[in-house]
Amino acid sequence: MSTPLRFETYEKTCPAHDVCGDLHEAETVPALPRRTPGPAPARRSAHRRRGRYAERADGMRRLLPQALVVAFLAGGTSAFVAKDKAVELNVDGRTRTLHTFADDVTGLLAEEGVPTGAHDAITPAPGTALRDGVAIEVRHARPVLLTLDGRRHEVWTTAHTVEALLRERGVRVQGAYVSTPLSRRIPREGLALDVRTERSVTVLADGRARTVRTDAATVREAVAQAGVTLRGRDTTSVAPGSFPRDGQTVTVLRITDDTVVRDEVIAFSEVRVEDPALARGTKVVDRPGRPGLRRLTSAQRTINGVRQRPRPLRSEVVREPRPQQVRVGTGIPPASVPAAADGLNWSGLAQCESGGRPDAVDPSGAYGGLYQFDTPTWRILGGGGRPQDAPAAEQTYRAKKLYVRSGAGAWPHCGSRLRG
């Protein structure tokens, strides 16, 4: 299709000279010449001349389009070869050599359908211009949920294996617990990894210290590795389920729990009734009080031989207290007794009988007060209640009355003190 177009253009631009004229003529002359008047020799000569010009024109028409096409293809091929580049592409360790017309690394990766993310490693960097023979490496990042010594981390890595990841993060794997083989490849979707490095832990138990190298996940496991058994309510100074840290000291607490029961006295109250028949200051107990009883139950914990403060559990009243009923005198006591009794040494008698104590009671419980009255005698003399409960003045008054009735013989051992 292109050859007639180029040939036609050539005819329009050719200068008007004999050859071109012959070419035009040759193109328009019929195959068979017309018969014209004139001598036959002249017509044959002209026919031969036009035949030679037609052959030359046909040859030029065949060669000129071919030359133009060759020139066009030669120029296009040079540009084509200049754009093509041979590069080496390595994606996650898989290498291939390919030819590309891309201008830079970004265009090449898009052309090859290689997806990339923010955490991926691309060398050379995206946007770098490509040249023939360059090597491009793409390492896709993988998400890893890494629990390292009890602490959780969400990391991205371009490492292909678990061992390479740990080496990349500077984790010492010697003596460590790793939840998956070190040689395992990390898939594109990532994985969960638990690593516990070897640590030194000291366990104090039963008066001894034991130091162990351990990759245990809990303090309880480290204690067991130290050869210490926790029994019953035994525990440790840090939470048994916590992660043991390097250089940590753990104390084992031996615990025993007991229940303690004790009784507590409940004091009784006193009910007082005024009695004008009794001298003022006189107190007569009509019904003695009785203390109550309360029972207390507590939890008693002992830690490593040391008893802790009891923890109350319950309290119950075993016996209610009974109040004491008392009559209190409001009457006016007699001012004195016959003069024969007033001048005696009553303080000396009291000192001999009771040591001068108004509430004194002899060991038998039958005699009481300053002058050690027995209860029947006290009642005959007009006293109420017990003599040791009466005021000192009333006791002295009753003693004087007894002296008037019975003399110093009422006190066989100390009566002589009344005279001096």
Protein backbone atom coordinates (compact mmCIF):
# COMPACT_ATOMS: atom_id res chain seq x y z
CA MET A 1 0.00 0.00 0.00
CA SER A 2 2.90 2.42 0.73
CA THR A 3 4.84 1.86 -2.51
CA PRO A 4 2.31 3.57 -4.96
CA LEU A 5 1.99 6.51 -2.48
CA ARG A 6 5.76 7.13 -2.42
CA PHE A 7 6.05 6.68 -6.15
CA GLU A 8 3.29 9.20 -6.86
CA THR A 9 5.01 11.74 -4.63
CA TYR A 10 8.25 11.20 -6.45
CA GLU A 11 6.58 12.02 -9.82
CA LYS A 12 5.12 15.30 -8.54
CA THR A 13 8.42 16.56 -7.20
CA CYS A 14 10.64 15.47 -10.10
CA PRO A 15 11.98 18.42 -12.20
CA ALA A 16 10.83 18.68 -15.78
CA HIS A 17 13.64 17.21 -17.87
CA ASP A 18 13.80 14.74 -20.64
CA VAL A 19 13.85 11.63 -18.56
CA CYS A 20 10.89 12.68 -16.44
CA GLY A 21 9.12 13.71 -19.63
CA ASP A 22 9.74 10.29 -21.06
CA LEU A 23 8.51 8.71 -17.87
CA HIS A 24 5.25 10.64 -18.00
CA GLU A 25 4.89 9.78 -21.61
CA ALA A 26 5.69 6.16 -21.05
CA GLU A 27 3.02 6.03 -18.34
CA THR A 28 0.37 7.37 -20.70
CA VAL A 29 1.36 5.58 -23.92
CA PRO A 30 -0.81 2.54 -24.73
CA ALA A 31 0.81 -0.83 -25.02
CA LEU A 32 0.19 -0.88 -28.73
CA PRO A 33 1.29 2.26 -30.63
CA ARG A 34 -1.24 4.08 -32.82
CA ARG A 35 -0.92 3.98 -36.44
CA THR A 36 0.21 7.40 -37.85
CA PRO A 37 0.96 8.55 -41.42
CA GLY A 38 4.64 8.69 -42.30
CA PRO A 39 7.37 6.47 -43.38
CA ALA A 40 7.58 3.12 -41.65
CA PRO A 41 11.24 3.39 -40.61
CA ALA A 42 10.61 6.59 -38.68
CA ARG A 43 7.77 5.01 -36.67
CA ARG A 44 9.90 1.98 -35.69
CA SER A 45 12.75 4.20 -34.46
CA ALA A 46 10.48 6.22 -32.25
CA HIS A 47 8.91 3.08 -30.82
CA ARG A 48 12.30 1.64 -29.87
CA ARG A 49 13.29 4.88 -28.09
CA ARG A 50 10.08 4.97 -26.05
CA GLY A 51 10.55 1.31 -25.07
CA ARG A 52 13.98 1.99 -23.51
CA TYR A 53 12.61 4.91 -21.48
CA ALA A 54 9.72 2.78 -20.19
CA GLU A 55 12.10 0.05 -18.94
CA ARG A 56 14.16 2.61 -17.04
CA ALA A 57 11.04 4.09 -15.45
CA ASP A 58 9.74 0.67 -14.35
CA GLY A 59 13.08 -0.13 -12.67
CA MET A 60 13.08 3.14 -10.75
CA ARG A 61 9.48 2.59 -9.66
CA ARG A 62 10.49 -0.80 -8.17
CA LEU A 63 13.69 0.33 -6.39
CA LEU A 64 12.62 3.68 -4.89
CA PRO A 65 9.84 2.38 -2.51
CA GLN A 66 12.09 -0.42 -1.27
CA ALA A 67 14.87 2.06 -0.43
CA LEU A 68 12.46 4.29 1.48
CA VAL A 69 11.07 1.37 3.49
CA VAL A 70 14.58 0.15 4.37
CA ALA A 71 15.56 3.63 5.56
CA PHE A 72 12.41 3.91 7.73
CA LEU A 73 12.87 0.50 9.31
CA ALA A 74 16.55 1.17 10.01
CA GLY A 75 15.74 4.33 12.00
CA GLY A 76 12.88 2.68 13.97
CA THR A 77 15.01 -0.31 14.88
CA SER A 78 17.69 1.92 16.38
CA ALA A 79 15.12 3.66 18.63
CA PHE A 80 13.59 0.29 19.62
CA VAL A 81 16.96 -1.15 20.59
CA ALA A 82 17.83 1.97 22.62
CA LYS A 83 14.63 1.64 24.80
CA ASP A 84 14.99 -2.06 25.62
CA LYS A 85 16.93 -2.93 28.86
CA ALA A 86 17.91 -6.31 30.31
CA VAL A 87 17.48 -6.28 34.13
CA GLU A 88 17.57 -8.81 36.96
CA LEU A 89 14.52 -8.88 39.30
CA ASN A 90 14.73 -10.67 42.67
CA VAL A 91 11.42 -10.96 44.55
CA ASP A 92 11.72 -12.63 47.97
CA GLY A 93 14.73 -14.68 46.84
CA ARG A 94 13.34 -15.70 43.46
CA THR A 95 15.46 -14.19 40.68
CA ARG A 96 14.68 -13.85 36.96
CA THR A 97 16.19 -11.88 34.11
CA LEU A 98 13.81 -9.94 31.86
CA HIS A 99 13.69 -7.21 29.18
CA THR A 100 11.74 -4.05 29.87
CA PHE A 101 10.92 -0.66 28.33
CA ALA A 102 10.13 0.82 31.85
CA ASP A 103 11.96 4.03 32.71
CA ASP A 104 12.41 3.44 36.48
CA VAL A 105 12.03 0.91 39.29
CA THR A 106 8.45 1.93 40.03
CA GLY A 107 7.42 1.40 36.41
CA LEU A 108 9.12 -1.99 36.25
CA LEU A 109 7.37 -3.28 39.40
CA ALA A 110 4.01 -2.04 38.08
CA GLU A 111 4.73 -3.62 34.69
CA GLU A 112 5.55 -6.98 36.35
CA GLY A 113 2.58 -6.82 38.77
CA VAL A 114 4.75 -6.88 41.93
CA PRO A 115 2.74 -5.34 44.84
CA THR A 116 4.64 -3.35 47.45
CA GLY A 117 3.80 -1.90 50.87
CA ALA A 118 5.13 0.67 53.31
CA HIS A 119 7.27 -1.87 55.21
CA ASP A 120 8.80 -3.61 52.15
CA ALA A 121 12.51 -3.24 51.32
CA ILE A 122 13.15 -2.25 47.66
CA THR A 123 16.67 -1.82 46.24
CA PRO A 124 17.30 0.46 44.38
CA ALA A 125 14.64 2.78 45.84
CA PRO A 126 11.37 3.29 43.93
CA GLY A 127 11.69 6.00 41.28
CA THR A 128 15.34 5.18 40.53
CA ALA A 129 16.02 5.28 36.76
CA LEU A 130 16.68 1.90 35.12
CA ARG A 131 19.74 1.08 33.06
CA ASP A 132 20.78 -2.02 31.25
CA GLY A 133 22.11 -4.76 33.52
CA VAL A 134 20.78 -3.33 36.84
CA ALA A 135 19.64 -5.74 39.61
CA ILE A 136 16.40 -4.93 41.50
CA GLU A 137 15.60 -6.68 44.79
CA VAL A 138 12.19 -6.68 46.50
CA ARG A 139 11.78 -8.14 49.99
CA HIS A 140 8.18 -8.14 51.17
CA ALA A 141 7.63 -7.40 54.86
CA ARG A 142 5.68 -9.91 56.96
CA PRO A 143 3.71 -9.20 60.16
CA VAL A 144 4.87 -11.08 63.27
CA LEU A 145 3.13 -11.08 66.67
CA LEU A 146 6.23 -11.53 68.84
CA THR A 147 5.91 -12.25 72.56
CA LEU A 148 9.43 -11.77 73.91
CA ASP A 149 10.03 -12.52 77.60
CA GLY A 150 6.40 -11.91 78.45
CA ARG A 151 6.05 -8.64 76.50
CA ARG A 152 4.02 -8.56 73.29
CA HIS A 153 5.27 -6.72 70.19
CA GLU A 154 3.68 -6.31 66.74
CA VAL A 155 6.57 -6.12 64.26
CA TRP A 156 7.14 -6.15 60.51
CA THR A 157 10.13 -7.98 59.11
CA THR A 158 11.69 -8.72 55.74
CA ALA A 159 13.53 -11.72 57.19
CA HIS A 160 12.56 -15.00 55.56
CA THR A 161 13.08 -17.31 58.58
CA VAL A 162 12.45 -17.20 62.33
CA GLU A 163 16.18 -17.39 63.01
CA ALA A 164 16.87 -14.42 60.71
CA LEU A 165 14.13 -12.41 62.42
CA LEU A 166 15.56 -13.03 65.90
CA ARG A 167 19.08 -12.26 64.70
CA GLU A 168 17.74 -9.07 63.11
CA ARG A 169 16.26 -8.01 66.48
CA GLY A 170 19.34 -9.01 68.49
CA VAL A 171 17.60 -11.79 70.44
CA ARG A 172 19.94 -14.36 72.02
CA VAL A 173 18.57 -17.78 71.12
CA GLN A 174 21.11 -19.91 73.00
CA GLY A 175 19.28 -21.62 75.84
CA ALA A 176 16.03 -19.87 74.87
CA TYR A 177 12.58 -21.32 74.35
CA VAL A 178 11.22 -20.66 70.84
CA SER A 179 7.67 -21.75 70.06
CA THR A 180 8.51 -22.73 66.46
CA PRO A 181 11.65 -24.13 64.77
CA LEU A 182 14.30 -21.53 63.95
CA SER A 183 14.44 -22.75 60.36
CA ARG A 184 10.74 -22.16 59.72
CA ARG A 185 10.03 -19.73 56.89
CA ILE A 186 7.81 -16.78 57.71
CA PRO A 187 4.78 -16.80 55.36
CA ARG A 188 3.47 -13.65 53.72
CA GLU A 189 0.45 -13.66 56.05
CA GLY A 190 2.82 -13.67 59.06
CA LEU A 191 2.83 -15.75 62.24
CA ALA A 192 2.69 -15.62 66.07
CA LEU A 193 5.97 -16.29 67.85
CA ASP A 194 6.71 -16.82 71.56
CA VAL A 195 10.33 -16.49 72.71
CA ARG A 196 11.65 -16.78 76.26
CA THR A 197 15.35 -16.11 76.67
CA GLU A 198 17.39 -17.81 79.38
CA ARG A 199 17.41 -15.90 82.68
CA SER A 200 18.99 -16.18 86.15
CA VAL A 201 16.49 -16.45 89.03
CA THR A 202 17.24 -16.92 92.76
CA VAL A 203 14.68 -18.77 94.91
CA LEU A 204 14.72 -18.33 98.72
CA ALA A 205 12.91 -21.18 100.48
CA ASP A 206 13.18 -22.88 103.88
CA GLY A 207 16.27 -20.91 104.82
CA ARG A 208 18.18 -21.72 101.61
CA ALA A 209 18.95 -19.79 98.42
CA ARG A 210 18.90 -21.60 95.06
CA THR A 211 19.93 -19.90 91.77
CA VAL A 212 18.80 -21.44 88.48
CA ARG A 213 19.16 -20.64 84.77
CA THR A 214 15.69 -20.93 83.31
CA ASP A 215 13.48 -20.19 80.32
CA ALA A 216 10.34 -20.67 82.43
CA ALA A 217 7.17 -18.79 81.50
CA THR A 218 6.02 -18.26 85.13
CA VAL A 219 7.55 -17.79 88.59
CA ARG A 220 5.83 -21.02 89.65
CA GLU A 221 7.73 -22.95 86.96
CA ALA A 222 11.05 -21.35 87.96
CA VAL A 223 10.46 -22.30 91.62
CA ALA A 224 9.75 -25.89 90.59
CA GLN A 225 12.93 -25.96 88.48
CA ALA A 226 14.83 -24.85 91.61
CA GLY A 227 13.59 -28.02 93.33
CA VAL A 228 11.12 -26.27 95.63
CA THR A 229 7.58 -27.62 96.02
CA LEU A 230 4.63 -25.37 96.90
CA ARG A 231 2.14 -27.13 99.16
CA GLY A 232 -1.31 -26.18 100.35
CA ARG A 233 -1.57 -22.41 100.67
CA ASP A 234 2.11 -21.77 100.00
CA THR A 235 2.83 -18.90 97.62
CA THR A 236 5.65 -16.60 96.53
CA SER A 237 6.64 -13.00 97.22
CA VAL A 238 5.64 -12.13 93.64
CA ALA A 239 2.60 -13.46 91.82
CA PRO A 240 3.23 -17.14 90.96
CA GLY A 241 1.76 -16.60 87.49
CA SER A 242 3.95 -13.58 86.68
CA PHE A 243 6.91 -13.69 84.29
CA PRO A 244 10.30 -14.25 86.02
CA ARG A 245 12.81 -11.49 85.19
CA ASP A 246 16.55 -11.88 84.85
CA GLY A 247 18.28 -11.39 88.22
CA GLN A 248 15.01 -11.60 90.16
CA THR A 249 14.88 -12.98 93.73
CA VAL A 250 11.73 -14.90 94.64
CA THR A 251 10.88 -15.75 98.26
CA VAL A 252 8.71 -18.78 98.97
CA LEU A 253 6.10 -18.12 101.66
CA ARG A 254 5.12 -21.18 103.70
CA ILE A 255 1.58 -20.52 104.89
CA THR A 256 -0.58 -22.34 107.41
CA ASP A 257 -4.09 -21.27 108.40
CA ASP A 258 -5.77 -22.10 111.73
CA THR A 259 -9.02 -21.18 113.44
CA VAL A 260 -8.75 -19.62 116.90
CA VAL A 261 -11.69 -19.47 119.35
CA ARG A 262 -11.61 -17.38 122.53
CA ASP A 263 -14.20 -16.24 125.08
CA GLU A 264 -14.58 -12.63 126.10
CA VAL A 265 -16.30 -11.41 129.29
CA ILE A 266 -19.21 -9.01 128.89
CA ALA A 267 -19.42 -6.64 131.86
CA PHE A 268 -22.79 -6.36 133.65
CA SER A 269 -24.56 -3.09 134.25
CA GLU A 270 -25.84 -1.73 137.63
CA VAL A 271 -29.39 -0.72 138.38
CA ARG A 272 -29.61 1.73 141.33
CA VAL A 273 -32.68 2.42 143.43
CA GLU A 274 -32.72 5.21 146.07
CA ASP A 275 -33.72 4.11 149.59
CA PRO A 276 -34.38 6.79 152.22
CA ALA A 277 -34.32 4.11 154.94
CA LEU A 278 -30.59 3.77 154.41
CA ALA A 279 -28.14 6.40 155.53
CA ARG A 280 -26.71 8.58 152.83
CA GLY A 281 -23.65 6.99 151.23
CA THR A 282 -24.85 3.49 152.06
CA LYS A 283 -25.17 1.06 149.16
CA VAL A 284 -26.96 -2.25 149.51
CA VAL A 285 -26.71 -4.89 146.73
CA ASP A 286 -30.03 -6.64 146.50
CA ARG A 287 -29.03 -8.86 143.57
CA PRO A 288 -25.43 -9.28 142.47
CA GLY A 289 -24.70 -8.83 138.79
CA ARG A 290 -23.36 -11.60 136.60
CA PRO A 291 -21.05 -11.00 133.66
CA GLY A 292 -21.97 -12.29 130.22
CA LEU A 293 -19.83 -14.31 127.83
CA ARG A 294 -19.03 -13.64 124.16
CA ARG A 295 -17.31 -16.23 121.92
CA LEU A 296 -15.01 -14.88 119.19
CA THR A 297 -13.82 -16.98 116.24
CA SER A 298 -10.86 -15.73 114.18
CA ALA A 299 -8.68 -16.96 111.34
CA GLN A 300 -5.03 -17.21 112.34
CA ARG A 301 -2.44 -17.24 109.55
CA THR A 302 1.22 -18.12 110.06
CA ILE A 303 3.77 -17.17 107.36
CA ASN A 304 7.23 -18.70 107.55
CA GLY A 305 6.70 -19.31 111.28
CA VAL A 306 5.48 -15.79 112.10
CA ARG A 307 1.89 -15.46 113.31
CA GLN A 308 -0.07 -12.69 111.64
CA ARG A 309 -2.81 -10.58 113.18
CA PRO A 310 -5.99 -12.68 113.54
CA ARG A 311 -8.79 -11.95 111.13
CA PRO A 312 -12.24 -11.98 112.83
CA LEU A 313 -14.67 -14.48 111.34
CA ARG A 314 -17.70 -14.38 113.65
CA SER A 315 -18.89 -13.33 117.12
CA GLU A 316 -21.67 -14.90 119.19
CA VAL A 317 -23.03 -14.21 122.69
CA VAL A 318 -22.94 -17.40 124.72
CA ARG A 319 -24.46 -15.88 127.87
CA GLU A 320 -26.16 -12.53 128.33
CA PRO A 321 -24.95 -10.41 131.28
CA ARG A 322 -27.30 -9.96 134.26
CA PRO A 323 -27.47 -6.43 135.75
CA GLN A 324 -26.73 -5.83 139.41
CA GLN A 325 -29.55 -4.32 141.48
CA VAL A 326 -28.46 -1.89 144.20
CA ARG A 327 -30.25 0.26 146.80
CA VAL A 328 -28.54 3.56 147.58
CA GLY A 329 -29.25 5.24 150.91
CA THR A 330 -30.54 8.81 150.95
CA GLY A 331 -31.35 9.09 154.72
CA ILE A 332 -29.39 11.21 157.24
CA PRO A 333 -27.15 9.02 159.45
CA PRO A 334 -27.06 9.64 163.28
CA ALA A 335 -24.54 12.28 164.18
CA SER A 336 -22.98 10.38 167.05
CA VAL A 337 -23.25 7.72 169.70
CA PRO A 338 -22.68 8.03 173.46
CA ALA A 339 -19.57 9.96 174.36
CA ALA A 340 -18.00 6.83 175.78
CA ALA A 341 -17.50 5.55 172.25
CA ASP A 342 -16.53 8.82 170.55
CA GLY A 343 -13.21 9.25 172.27
CA LEU A 344 -11.79 5.84 171.36
CA ASN A 345 -9.02 5.14 168.85
CA TRP A 346 -11.19 3.89 165.96
CA SER A 347 -8.52 4.45 163.33
CA GLY A 348 -6.13 2.24 165.29
CA LEU A 349 -8.77 -0.51 165.50
CA ALA A 350 -9.46 -0.22 161.73
CA GLN A 351 -5.77 -0.41 160.93
CA CYS A 352 -5.43 -3.58 162.97
CA GLU A 353 -8.57 -5.26 161.58
CA SER A 354 -8.43 -4.36 157.85
CA GLY A 355 -5.32 -2.32 157.25
CA GLY A 356 -7.58 0.75 157.13
CA ARG A 357 -9.40 -0.37 153.97
CA PRO A 358 -13.21 0.12 153.95
CA ASP A 359 -13.70 -2.58 151.22
CA ALA A 360 -11.47 -5.22 152.81
CA VAL A 361 -12.78 -8.82 152.93
CA ASP A 362 -11.14 -11.63 154.89
CA PRO A 363 -10.05 -14.79 152.99
CA SER A 364 -13.13 -16.73 154.09
CA GLY A 365 -15.44 -14.07 152.72
CA ALA A 366 -17.46 -13.99 155.98
CA TYR A 367 -16.11 -10.66 157.32
CA GLY A 368 -15.74 -7.33 155.62
CA GLY A 369 -15.17 -3.59 155.97
CA LEU A 370 -12.95 -1.49 158.23
CA TYR A 371 -13.90 -3.38 161.31
CA GLN A 372 -14.53 -6.81 159.80
CA PHE A 373 -18.23 -7.16 160.52
CA ASP A 374 -19.98 -10.40 159.72
CA THR A 375 -23.18 -9.88 157.76
CA PRO A 376 -25.68 -10.95 160.51
CA THR A 377 -24.11 -8.56 163.08
CA TRP A 378 -24.11 -5.79 160.49
CA ARG A 379 -27.80 -6.31 159.86
CA ILE A 380 -28.60 -6.31 163.63
CA LEU A 381 -26.83 -2.96 163.91
CA GLY A 382 -29.13 -1.53 161.21
CA GLY A 383 -26.83 -1.86 158.27
CA GLY A 384 -28.03 -2.92 154.83
CA GLY A 385 -26.29 -5.03 152.21
CA ARG A 386 -22.69 -5.90 153.00
CA PRO A 387 -20.50 -3.94 155.42
CA GLN A 388 -17.66 -3.55 152.91
CA ASP A 389 -20.06 -1.78 150.53
CA ALA A 390 -21.02 0.92 153.05
CA PRO A 391 -19.19 4.23 153.40
CA ALA A 392 -16.38 4.43 155.99
CA ALA A 393 -18.39 6.86 158.14
CA GLU A 394 -21.33 4.46 158.34
CA GLN A 395 -19.02 1.56 159.21
CA THR A 396 -17.49 3.58 162.05
CA TYR A 397 -20.96 4.54 163.26
CA ARG A 398 -22.07 0.88 163.33
CA ALA A 399 -18.81 -0.09 165.08
CA LYS A 400 -19.49 2.43 167.84
CA LYS A 401 -22.97 1.01 168.31
CA LEU A 402 -21.44 -2.46 168.61
CA TYR A 403 -18.94 -1.17 171.16
CA VAL A 404 -21.78 0.28 173.28
CA ARG A 405 -23.53 -3.08 173.19
CA SER A 406 -20.57 -5.49 173.53
CA GLY A 407 -17.47 -3.46 174.43
CA ALA A 408 -13.99 -4.00 173.07
CA GLY A 409 -14.52 -7.77 173.27
CA ALA A 410 -16.39 -7.60 169.98
CA TRP A 411 -12.88 -7.53 168.43
CA PRO A 412 -10.94 -10.19 170.37
CA HIS A 413 -7.59 -9.64 168.70
CA CYS A 414 -7.57 -5.87 168.03
CA GLY A 415 -10.03 -4.49 170.65
CA SER A 416 -7.17 -3.33 172.85
CA ARG A 417 -6.20 -0.76 170.21
CA LEU A 418 -9.26 1.32 171.11
CA ARG A 419 -7.53 2.46 174.33
CA GLY A 420 -4.31 3.62 172.88
